[in-house]
mmCIF file of all heavy atoms, coordinates in Angstrom:
data_MODEL
# 
_entry.id   MODEL 
# 
loop_
_atom_site.group_PDB 
_atom_site.id 
_atom_site.type_symbol 
_atom_site.label_atom_id 
_atom_site.label_alt_id 
_atom_site.label_comp_id 
_atom_site.label_asym_id 
_atom_site.label_entity_id 
_atom_site.label_seq_id 
_atom_site.pdbx_PDB_ins_code 
_atom_site.Cartn_x 
_atom_site.Cartn_y 
_atom_site.Cartn_z 
_atom_site.occupancy 
_atom_site.B_iso_or_equiv 
_atom_site.pdbx_formal_charge 
_atom_site.auth_seq_id 
_atom_site.auth_comp_id 
_atom_site.auth_asym_id 
_atom_site.auth_atom_id 
_atom_site.pdbx_PDB_model_num 
ATOM 1   N N   . ALA A 1 1  ? -74.085 92.906  -20.492 1.00 0.00 ? 1  ALA A N   1 
ATOM 2   C CA  . ALA A 1 1  ? -73.467 92.325  -19.254 1.00 0.00 ? 1  ALA A CA  1 
ATOM 3   C C   . ALA A 1 1  ? -74.492 92.386  -18.068 1.00 0.00 ? 1  ALA A C   1 
ATOM 4   O O   . ALA A 1 1  ? -74.404 91.581  -17.109 1.00 0.00 ? 1  ALA A O   1 
ATOM 5   C CB  . ALA A 1 1  ? -72.218 92.947  -18.854 1.00 0.00 ? 1  ALA A CB  1 
ATOM 6   N N   . CYS A 1 2  ? -75.486 93.131  -18.081 1.00 0.00 ? 2  CYS A N   1 
ATOM 7   C CA  . CYS A 1 2  ? -76.462 93.510  -17.079 1.00 0.00 ? 2  CYS A CA  1 
ATOM 8   C C   . CYS A 1 2  ? -77.675 92.689  -17.358 1.00 0.00 ? 2  CYS A C   1 
ATOM 9   O O   . CYS A 1 2  ? -78.660 92.689  -16.600 1.00 0.00 ? 2  CYS A O   1 
ATOM 10  C CB  . CYS A 1 2  ? -76.871 94.875  -16.881 1.00 0.00 ? 2  CYS A CB  1 
ATOM 11  S SG  . CYS A 1 2  ? -75.599 95.973  -16.153 1.00 0.00 ? 2  CYS A SG  1 
ATOM 12  N N   . GLY A 1 3  ? -77.512 91.916  -18.457 1.00 0.00 ? 3  GLY A N   1 
ATOM 13  C CA  . GLY A 1 3  ? -78.697 90.855  -18.779 1.00 0.00 ? 3  GLY A CA  1 
ATOM 14  C C   . GLY A 1 3  ? -79.883 91.667  -19.524 1.00 0.00 ? 3  GLY A C   1 
ATOM 15  O O   . GLY A 1 3  ? -80.964 91.043  -19.460 1.00 0.00 ? 3  GLY A O   1 
ATOM 16  N N   . ILE A 1 4  ? -79.619 92.735  -19.987 1.00 0.00 ? 4  ILE A N   1 
ATOM 17  C CA  . ILE A 1 4  ? -80.822 93.531  -20.657 1.00 0.00 ? 4  ILE A CA  1 
ATOM 18  C C   . ILE A 1 4  ? -80.540 93.494  -22.271 1.00 0.00 ? 4  ILE A C   1 
ATOM 19  O O   . ILE A 1 4  ? -79.379 93.683  -22.747 1.00 0.00 ? 4  ILE A O   1 
ATOM 20  C CB  . ILE A 1 4  ? -80.686 95.018  -20.253 1.00 0.00 ? 4  ILE A CB  1 
ATOM 21  C CG1 . ILE A 1 4  ? -80.864 94.990  -18.627 1.00 0.00 ? 4  ILE A CG1 1 
ATOM 22  C CG2 . ILE A 1 4  ? -81.754 95.815  -20.831 1.00 0.00 ? 4  ILE A CG2 1 
ATOM 23  C CD1 . ILE A 1 4  ? -80.606 96.350  -18.082 1.00 0.00 ? 4  ILE A CD1 1 
ATOM 24  N N   . PRO A 1 5  ? -81.694 93.213  -22.995 1.00 0.00 ? 5  PRO A N   1 
ATOM 25  C CA  . PRO A 1 5  ? -81.374 93.271  -24.441 1.00 0.00 ? 5  PRO A CA  1 
ATOM 26  C C   . PRO A 1 5  ? -81.050 94.633  -25.009 1.00 0.00 ? 5  PRO A C   1 
ATOM 27  O O   . PRO A 1 5  ? -81.507 95.690  -24.454 1.00 0.00 ? 5  PRO A O   1 
ATOM 28  C CB  . PRO A 1 5  ? -82.898 93.076  -24.885 1.00 0.00 ? 5  PRO A CB  1 
ATOM 29  C CG  . PRO A 1 5  ? -83.538 92.268  -23.786 1.00 0.00 ? 5  PRO A CG  1 
ATOM 30  C CD  . PRO A 1 5  ? -82.952 92.883  -22.498 1.00 0.00 ? 5  PRO A CD  1 
ATOM 31  N N   . MET A 1 6  ? -80.020 94.628  -25.759 1.00 0.00 ? 6  MET A N   1 
ATOM 32  C CA  . MET A 1 6  ? -79.498 95.859  -26.229 1.00 0.00 ? 6  MET A CA  1 
ATOM 33  C C   . MET A 1 6  ? -80.329 96.842  -26.894 1.00 0.00 ? 6  MET A C   1 
ATOM 34  O O   . MET A 1 6  ? -80.317 98.027  -26.748 1.00 0.00 ? 6  MET A O   1 
ATOM 35  C CB  . MET A 1 6  ? -78.124 95.591  -27.093 1.00 0.00 ? 6  MET A CB  1 
ATOM 36  C CG  . MET A 1 6  ? -77.012 95.037  -26.482 1.00 0.00 ? 6  MET A CG  1 
ATOM 37  S SD  . MET A 1 6  ? -75.672 94.801  -27.647 1.00 0.00 ? 6  MET A SD  1 
ATOM 38  C CE  . MET A 1 6  ? -76.114 93.503  -28.641 1.00 0.00 ? 6  MET A CE  1 
ATOM 39  N N   . SER A 1 7  ? -81.440 96.299  -27.525 1.00 0.00 ? 7  SER A N   1 
ATOM 40  C CA  . SER A 1 7  ? -82.460 97.009  -28.301 1.00 0.00 ? 7  SER A CA  1 
ATOM 41  C C   . SER A 1 7  ? -83.249 97.822  -27.204 1.00 0.00 ? 7  SER A C   1 
ATOM 42  O O   . SER A 1 7  ? -83.941 98.744  -27.681 1.00 0.00 ? 7  SER A O   1 
ATOM 43  C CB  . SER A 1 7  ? -83.270 96.180  -29.158 1.00 0.00 ? 7  SER A CB  1 
ATOM 44  O OG  . SER A 1 7  ? -83.880 95.172  -28.328 1.00 0.00 ? 7  SER A OG  1 
ATOM 45  N N   . ARG A 1 8  ? -83.252 97.378  -26.042 1.00 0.00 ? 8  ARG A N   1 
ATOM 46  C CA  . ARG A 1 8  ? -84.087 98.134  -25.129 1.00 0.00 ? 8  ARG A CA  1 
ATOM 47  C C   . ARG A 1 8  ? -83.599 99.371  -24.469 1.00 0.00 ? 8  ARG A C   1 
ATOM 48  O O   . ARG A 1 8  ? -84.349 100.333 -24.263 1.00 0.00 ? 8  ARG A O   1 
ATOM 49  C CB  . ARG A 1 8  ? -84.333 97.122  -23.928 1.00 0.00 ? 8  ARG A CB  1 
ATOM 50  C CG  . ARG A 1 8  ? -85.484 97.610  -22.913 1.00 0.00 ? 8  ARG A CG  1 
ATOM 51  C CD  . ARG A 1 8  ? -85.802 96.565  -21.883 1.00 0.00 ? 8  ARG A CD  1 
ATOM 52  N NE  . ARG A 1 8  ? -86.321 95.295  -22.523 1.00 0.00 ? 8  ARG A NE  1 
ATOM 53  C CZ  . ARG A 1 8  ? -86.612 94.183  -21.926 1.00 0.00 ? 8  ARG A CZ  1 
ATOM 54  N NH1 . ARG A 1 8  ? -86.256 94.177  -20.532 1.00 0.00 ? 8  ARG A NH1 1 
ATOM 55  N NH2 . ARG A 1 8  ? -86.996 93.027  -22.571 1.00 0.00 ? 8  ARG A NH2 1 
ATOM 56  N N   . ILE A 1 9  ? -82.255 99.640  -24.558 1.00 0.00 ? 9  ILE A N   1 
ATOM 57  C CA  . ILE A 1 9  ? -81.638 100.801 -24.096 1.00 0.00 ? 9  ILE A CA  1 
ATOM 58  C C   . ILE A 1 9  ? -80.706 101.225 -25.126 1.00 0.00 ? 9  ILE A C   1 
ATOM 59  O O   . ILE A 1 9  ? -79.599 100.633 -25.088 1.00 0.00 ? 9  ILE A O   1 
ATOM 60  C CB  . ILE A 1 9  ? -81.001 100.524 -22.551 1.00 0.00 ? 9  ILE A CB  1 
ATOM 61  C CG1 . ILE A 1 9  ? -82.008 100.066 -21.705 1.00 0.00 ? 9  ILE A CG1 1 
ATOM 62  C CG2 . ILE A 1 9  ? -80.268 101.896 -22.191 1.00 0.00 ? 9  ILE A CG2 1 
ATOM 63  C CD1 . ILE A 1 9  ? -81.386 99.698  -20.218 1.00 0.00 ? 9  ILE A CD1 1 
ATOM 64  N N   . ARG A 1 10 ? -80.952 102.164 -25.779 1.00 0.00 ? 10 ARG A N   1 
ATOM 65  C CA  . ARG A 1 10 ? -80.030 102.786 -26.832 1.00 0.00 ? 10 ARG A CA  1 
ATOM 66  C C   . ARG A 1 10 ? -79.096 103.842 -26.209 1.00 0.00 ? 10 ARG A C   1 
ATOM 67  O O   . ARG A 1 10 ? -79.309 104.463 -25.316 1.00 0.00 ? 10 ARG A O   1 
ATOM 68  C CB  . ARG A 1 10 ? -80.814 103.523 -27.927 1.00 0.00 ? 10 ARG A CB  1 
ATOM 69  C CG  . ARG A 1 10 ? -81.904 102.524 -28.670 1.00 0.00 ? 10 ARG A CG  1 
ATOM 70  C CD  . ARG A 1 10 ? -81.198 101.477 -29.548 1.00 0.00 ? 10 ARG A CD  1 
ATOM 71  N NE  . ARG A 1 10 ? -82.205 100.733 -30.316 1.00 0.00 ? 10 ARG A NE  1 
ATOM 72  C CZ  . ARG A 1 10 ? -81.854 99.715  -31.191 1.00 0.00 ? 10 ARG A CZ  1 
ATOM 73  N NH1 . ARG A 1 10 ? -80.515 99.411  -31.261 1.00 0.00 ? 10 ARG A NH1 1 
ATOM 74  N NH2 . ARG A 1 10 ? -82.715 99.053  -31.823 1.00 0.00 ? 10 ARG A NH2 1 
ATOM 75  N N   . PHE A 1 11 ? -77.914 103.864 -26.989 1.00 0.00 ? 11 PHE A N   1 
ATOM 76  C CA  . PHE A 1 11 ? -76.905 104.699 -26.671 1.00 0.00 ? 11 PHE A CA  1 
ATOM 77  C C   . PHE A 1 11 ? -77.423 106.190 -26.904 1.00 0.00 ? 11 PHE A C   1 
ATOM 78  O O   . PHE A 1 11 ? -77.811 106.416 -28.064 1.00 0.00 ? 11 PHE A O   1 
ATOM 79  C CB  . PHE A 1 11 ? -75.568 104.541 -27.348 1.00 0.00 ? 11 PHE A CB  1 
ATOM 80  C CG  . PHE A 1 11 ? -74.558 105.595 -27.198 1.00 0.00 ? 11 PHE A CG  1 
ATOM 81  C CD1 . PHE A 1 11 ? -73.630 105.510 -26.094 1.00 0.00 ? 11 PHE A CD1 1 
ATOM 82  C CD2 . PHE A 1 11 ? -74.425 106.651 -28.092 1.00 0.00 ? 11 PHE A CD2 1 
ATOM 83  C CE1 . PHE A 1 11 ? -72.704 106.437 -26.033 1.00 0.00 ? 11 PHE A CE1 1 
ATOM 84  C CE2 . PHE A 1 11 ? -73.600 107.596 -27.854 1.00 0.00 ? 11 PHE A CE2 1 
ATOM 85  C CZ  . PHE A 1 11 ? -72.621 107.499 -26.845 1.00 0.00 ? 11 PHE A CZ  1 
ATOM 86  N N   . THR A 1 12 ? -77.133 107.120 -25.946 1.00 0.00 ? 12 THR A N   1 
ATOM 87  C CA  . THR A 1 12 ? -77.461 108.538 -26.189 1.00 0.00 ? 12 THR A CA  1 
ATOM 88  C C   . THR A 1 12 ? -76.571 109.310 -25.283 1.00 0.00 ? 12 THR A C   1 
ATOM 89  O O   . THR A 1 12 ? -76.565 109.186 -24.091 1.00 0.00 ? 12 THR A O   1 
ATOM 90  C CB  . THR A 1 12 ? -78.989 108.848 -25.769 1.00 0.00 ? 12 THR A CB  1 
ATOM 91  O OG1 . THR A 1 12 ? -79.886 108.144 -26.628 1.00 0.00 ? 12 THR A OG1 1 
ATOM 92  C CG2 . THR A 1 12 ? -79.212 110.368 -26.030 1.00 0.00 ? 12 THR A CG2 1 
ATOM 93  N N   . HIS A 1 13 ? -75.710 110.203 -25.972 1.00 0.00 ? 13 HIS A N   1 
ATOM 94  C CA  . HIS A 1 13 ? -74.763 110.944 -25.202 1.00 0.00 ? 13 HIS A CA  1 
ATOM 95  C C   . HIS A 1 13 ? -75.527 111.804 -24.076 1.00 0.00 ? 13 HIS A C   1 
ATOM 96  O O   . HIS A 1 13 ? -76.432 112.476 -24.324 1.00 0.00 ? 13 HIS A O   1 
ATOM 97  C CB  . HIS A 1 13 ? -73.963 111.737 -26.134 1.00 0.00 ? 13 HIS A CB  1 
ATOM 98  C CG  . HIS A 1 13 ? -73.106 112.623 -25.207 1.00 0.00 ? 13 HIS A CG  1 
ATOM 99  N ND1 . HIS A 1 13 ? -71.780 112.360 -24.850 1.00 0.00 ? 13 HIS A ND1 1 
ATOM 100 C CD2 . HIS A 1 13 ? -73.183 113.985 -24.813 1.00 0.00 ? 13 HIS A CD2 1 
ATOM 101 C CE1 . HIS A 1 13 ? -71.175 113.338 -24.237 1.00 0.00 ? 13 HIS A CE1 1 
ATOM 102 N NE2 . HIS A 1 13 ? -72.101 114.332 -24.221 1.00 0.00 ? 13 HIS A NE2 1 
ATOM 103 N N   . GLY A 1 14 ? -74.920 111.744 -22.862 1.00 0.00 ? 14 GLY A N   1 
ATOM 104 C CA  . GLY A 1 14 ? -75.528 112.458 -21.741 1.00 0.00 ? 14 GLY A CA  1 
ATOM 105 C C   . GLY A 1 14 ? -76.659 111.905 -21.055 1.00 0.00 ? 14 GLY A C   1 
ATOM 106 O O   . GLY A 1 14 ? -77.060 112.393 -20.066 1.00 0.00 ? 14 GLY A O   1 
ATOM 107 N N   . GLN A 1 15 ? -77.068 110.808 -21.595 1.00 0.00 ? 15 GLN A N   1 
ATOM 108 C CA  . GLN A 1 15 ? -78.325 110.221 -20.788 1.00 0.00 ? 15 GLN A CA  1 
ATOM 109 C C   . GLN A 1 15 ? -77.939 109.579 -19.529 1.00 0.00 ? 15 GLN A C   1 
ATOM 110 O O   . GLN A 1 15 ? -76.896 109.153 -19.325 1.00 0.00 ? 15 GLN A O   1 
ATOM 111 C CB  . GLN A 1 15 ? -79.046 109.291 -21.684 1.00 0.00 ? 15 GLN A CB  1 
ATOM 112 C CG  . GLN A 1 15 ? -78.395 107.893 -21.859 1.00 0.00 ? 15 GLN A CG  1 
ATOM 113 C CD  . GLN A 1 15 ? -79.231 106.784 -22.584 1.00 0.00 ? 15 GLN A CD  1 
ATOM 114 O OE1 . GLN A 1 15 ? -80.481 107.045 -22.571 1.00 0.00 ? 15 GLN A OE1 1 
ATOM 115 N NE2 . GLN A 1 15 ? -78.653 105.768 -23.065 1.00 0.00 ? 15 GLN A NE2 1 
ATOM 116 N N   . VAL A 1 16 ? -78.917 109.702 -18.514 1.00 0.00 ? 16 VAL A N   1 
ATOM 117 C CA  . VAL A 1 16 ? -78.658 109.078 -17.260 1.00 0.00 ? 16 VAL A CA  1 
ATOM 118 C C   . VAL A 1 16 ? -79.853 108.396 -17.005 1.00 0.00 ? 16 VAL A C   1 
ATOM 119 O O   . VAL A 1 16 ? -81.063 108.923 -16.930 1.00 0.00 ? 16 VAL A O   1 
ATOM 120 C CB  . VAL A 1 16 ? -78.441 110.148 -16.165 1.00 0.00 ? 16 VAL A CB  1 
ATOM 121 C CG1 . VAL A 1 16 ? -78.288 109.546 -14.834 1.00 0.00 ? 16 VAL A CG1 1 
ATOM 122 C CG2 . VAL A 1 16 ? -77.229 111.094 -16.455 1.00 0.00 ? 16 VAL A CG2 1 
ATOM 123 N N   . GLN A 1 17 ? -79.737 107.028 -16.665 1.00 0.00 ? 17 GLN A N   1 
ATOM 124 C CA  . GLN A 1 17 ? -80.998 106.290 -16.231 1.00 0.00 ? 17 GLN A CA  1 
ATOM 125 C C   . GLN A 1 17 ? -80.590 105.217 -15.412 1.00 0.00 ? 17 GLN A C   1 
ATOM 126 O O   . GLN A 1 17 ? -79.508 104.752 -15.332 1.00 0.00 ? 17 GLN A O   1 
ATOM 127 C CB  . GLN A 1 17 ? -81.659 105.733 -17.646 1.00 0.00 ? 17 GLN A CB  1 
ATOM 128 C CG  . GLN A 1 17 ? -80.709 104.950 -18.407 1.00 0.00 ? 17 GLN A CG  1 
ATOM 129 C CD  . GLN A 1 17 ? -81.492 104.380 -19.856 1.00 0.00 ? 17 GLN A CD  1 
ATOM 130 O OE1 . GLN A 1 17 ? -82.508 103.918 -19.727 1.00 0.00 ? 17 GLN A OE1 1 
ATOM 131 N NE2 . GLN A 1 17 ? -80.861 104.835 -20.909 1.00 0.00 ? 17 GLN A NE2 1 
ATOM 132 N N   . THR A 1 18 ? -81.578 104.630 -14.632 1.00 0.00 ? 18 THR A N   1 
ATOM 133 C CA  . THR A 1 18 ? -81.383 103.718 -13.664 1.00 0.00 ? 18 THR A CA  1 
ATOM 134 C C   . THR A 1 18 ? -81.796 102.383 -14.241 1.00 0.00 ? 18 THR A C   1 
ATOM 135 O O   . THR A 1 18 ? -82.932 102.209 -14.792 1.00 0.00 ? 18 THR A O   1 
ATOM 136 C CB  . THR A 1 18 ? -82.084 104.055 -12.340 1.00 0.00 ? 18 THR A CB  1 
ATOM 137 O OG1 . THR A 1 18 ? -81.816 105.275 -11.865 1.00 0.00 ? 18 THR A OG1 1 
ATOM 138 C CG2 . THR A 1 18 ? -81.857 102.874 -11.368 1.00 0.00 ? 18 THR A CG2 1 
ATOM 139 N N   . LEU A 1 19 ? -80.984 101.383 -14.243 1.00 0.00 ? 19 LEU A N   1 
ATOM 140 C CA  . LEU A 1 19 ? -81.167 100.159 -14.669 1.00 0.00 ? 19 LEU A CA  1 
ATOM 141 C C   . LEU A 1 19 ? -82.062 99.240  -13.726 1.00 0.00 ? 19 LEU A C   1 
ATOM 142 O O   . LEU A 1 19 ? -82.116 99.618  -12.546 1.00 0.00 ? 19 LEU A O   1 
ATOM 143 C CB  . LEU A 1 19 ? -79.852 99.308  -15.093 1.00 0.00 ? 19 LEU A CB  1 
ATOM 144 C CG  . LEU A 1 19 ? -78.881 100.100 -15.970 1.00 0.00 ? 19 LEU A CG  1 
ATOM 145 C CD1 . LEU A 1 19 ? -77.734 99.255  -16.235 1.00 0.00 ? 19 LEU A CD1 1 
ATOM 146 C CD2 . LEU A 1 19 ? -79.597 100.186 -17.415 1.00 0.00 ? 19 LEU A CD2 1 
ATOM 147 N N   . PRO A 1 20 ? -82.658 98.192  -14.191 1.00 0.00 ? 20 PRO A N   1 
ATOM 148 C CA  . PRO A 1 20 ? -83.427 97.355  -13.380 1.00 0.00 ? 20 PRO A CA  1 
ATOM 149 C C   . PRO A 1 20 ? -82.586 96.794  -12.108 1.00 0.00 ? 20 PRO A C   1 
ATOM 150 O O   . PRO A 1 20 ? -83.270 96.689  -11.011 1.00 0.00 ? 20 PRO A O   1 
ATOM 151 C CB  . PRO A 1 20 ? -83.894 96.172  -14.209 1.00 0.00 ? 20 PRO A CB  1 
ATOM 152 C CG  . PRO A 1 20 ? -83.835 96.757  -15.586 1.00 0.00 ? 20 PRO A CG  1 
ATOM 153 C CD  . PRO A 1 20 ? -82.771 97.783  -15.592 1.00 0.00 ? 20 PRO A CD  1 
ATOM 154 N N   . ASN A 1 21 ? -81.311 96.738  -12.294 1.00 0.00 ? 21 ASN A N   1 
ATOM 155 C CA  . ASN A 1 21 ? -80.523 96.301  -11.022 1.00 0.00 ? 21 ASN A CA  1 
ATOM 156 C C   . ASN A 1 21 ? -80.039 97.348  -10.139 1.00 0.00 ? 21 ASN A C   1 
ATOM 157 O O   . ASN A 1 21 ? -79.268 97.119  -9.190  1.00 0.00 ? 21 ASN A O   1 
ATOM 158 C CB  . ASN A 1 21 ? -79.258 95.445  -11.526 1.00 0.00 ? 21 ASN A CB  1 
ATOM 159 C CG  . ASN A 1 21 ? -78.257 96.408  -12.456 1.00 0.00 ? 21 ASN A CG  1 
ATOM 160 O OD1 . ASN A 1 21 ? -78.546 97.540  -12.681 1.00 0.00 ? 21 ASN A OD1 1 
ATOM 161 N ND2 . ASN A 1 21 ? -77.372 95.744  -13.101 1.00 0.00 ? 21 ASN A ND2 1 
ATOM 162 N N   . GLY A 1 22 ? -80.555 98.604  -10.443 1.00 0.00 ? 22 GLY A N   1 
ATOM 163 C CA  . GLY A 1 22 ? -80.325 99.710  -9.536  1.00 0.00 ? 22 GLY A CA  1 
ATOM 164 C C   . GLY A 1 22 ? -79.132 100.571 -9.883  1.00 0.00 ? 22 GLY A C   1 
ATOM 165 O O   . GLY A 1 22 ? -78.877 101.679 -9.400  1.00 0.00 ? 22 GLY A O   1 
ATOM 166 N N   . LEU A 1 23 ? -78.275 100.093 -10.830 1.00 0.00 ? 23 LEU A N   1 
ATOM 167 C CA  . LEU A 1 23 ? -77.196 100.894 -11.341 1.00 0.00 ? 23 LEU A CA  1 
ATOM 168 C C   . LEU A 1 23 ? -77.603 102.050 -12.142 1.00 0.00 ? 23 LEU A C   1 
ATOM 169 O O   . LEU A 1 23 ? -78.480 101.999 -13.012 1.00 0.00 ? 23 LEU A O   1 
ATOM 170 C CB  . LEU A 1 23 ? -76.184 100.134 -12.117 1.00 0.00 ? 23 LEU A CB  1 
ATOM 171 C CG  . LEU A 1 23 ? -75.412 98.945  -11.425 1.00 0.00 ? 23 LEU A CG  1 
ATOM 172 C CD1 . LEU A 1 23 ? -74.426 98.263  -12.464 1.00 0.00 ? 23 LEU A CD1 1 
ATOM 173 C CD2 . LEU A 1 23 ? -74.442 99.616  -10.300 1.00 0.00 ? 23 LEU A CD2 1 
ATOM 174 N N   . VAL A 1 24 ? -76.849 103.146 -11.938 1.00 0.00 ? 24 VAL A N   1 
ATOM 175 C CA  . VAL A 1 24 ? -77.121 104.399 -12.743 1.00 0.00 ? 24 VAL A CA  1 
ATOM 176 C C   . VAL A 1 24 ? -76.253 104.203 -14.079 1.00 0.00 ? 24 VAL A C   1 
ATOM 177 O O   . VAL A 1 24 ? -74.962 104.070 -13.819 1.00 0.00 ? 24 VAL A O   1 
ATOM 178 C CB  . VAL A 1 24 ? -76.717 105.633 -11.966 1.00 0.00 ? 24 VAL A CB  1 
ATOM 179 C CG1 . VAL A 1 24 ? -76.771 106.828 -13.018 1.00 0.00 ? 24 VAL A CG1 1 
ATOM 180 C CG2 . VAL A 1 24 ? -77.811 105.868 -10.984 1.00 0.00 ? 24 VAL A CG2 1 
ATOM 181 N N   . LEU A 1 25 ? -76.798 104.234 -15.237 1.00 0.00 ? 25 LEU A N   1 
ATOM 182 C CA  . LEU A 1 25 ? -75.987 104.127 -16.448 1.00 0.00 ? 25 LEU A CA  1 
ATOM 183 C C   . LEU A 1 25 ? -76.014 105.599 -17.194 1.00 0.00 ? 25 LEU A C   1 
ATOM 184 O O   . LEU A 1 25 ? -77.036 106.169 -17.368 1.00 0.00 ? 25 LEU A O   1 
ATOM 185 C CB  . LEU A 1 25 ? -76.601 103.195 -17.334 1.00 0.00 ? 25 LEU A CB  1 
ATOM 186 C CG  . LEU A 1 25 ? -76.049 103.000 -18.768 1.00 0.00 ? 25 LEU A CG  1 
ATOM 187 C CD1 . LEU A 1 25 ? -74.673 102.454 -18.700 1.00 0.00 ? 25 LEU A CD1 1 
ATOM 188 C CD2 . LEU A 1 25 ? -77.015 102.096 -19.636 1.00 0.00 ? 25 LEU A CD2 1 
# 
């Protein structure tokens, strides 16, 4: 939904990262 290929950001429990649009995921 953020327009990012799913393969680029894998699910990892507890991870915190900032997406290119500035949202913290």
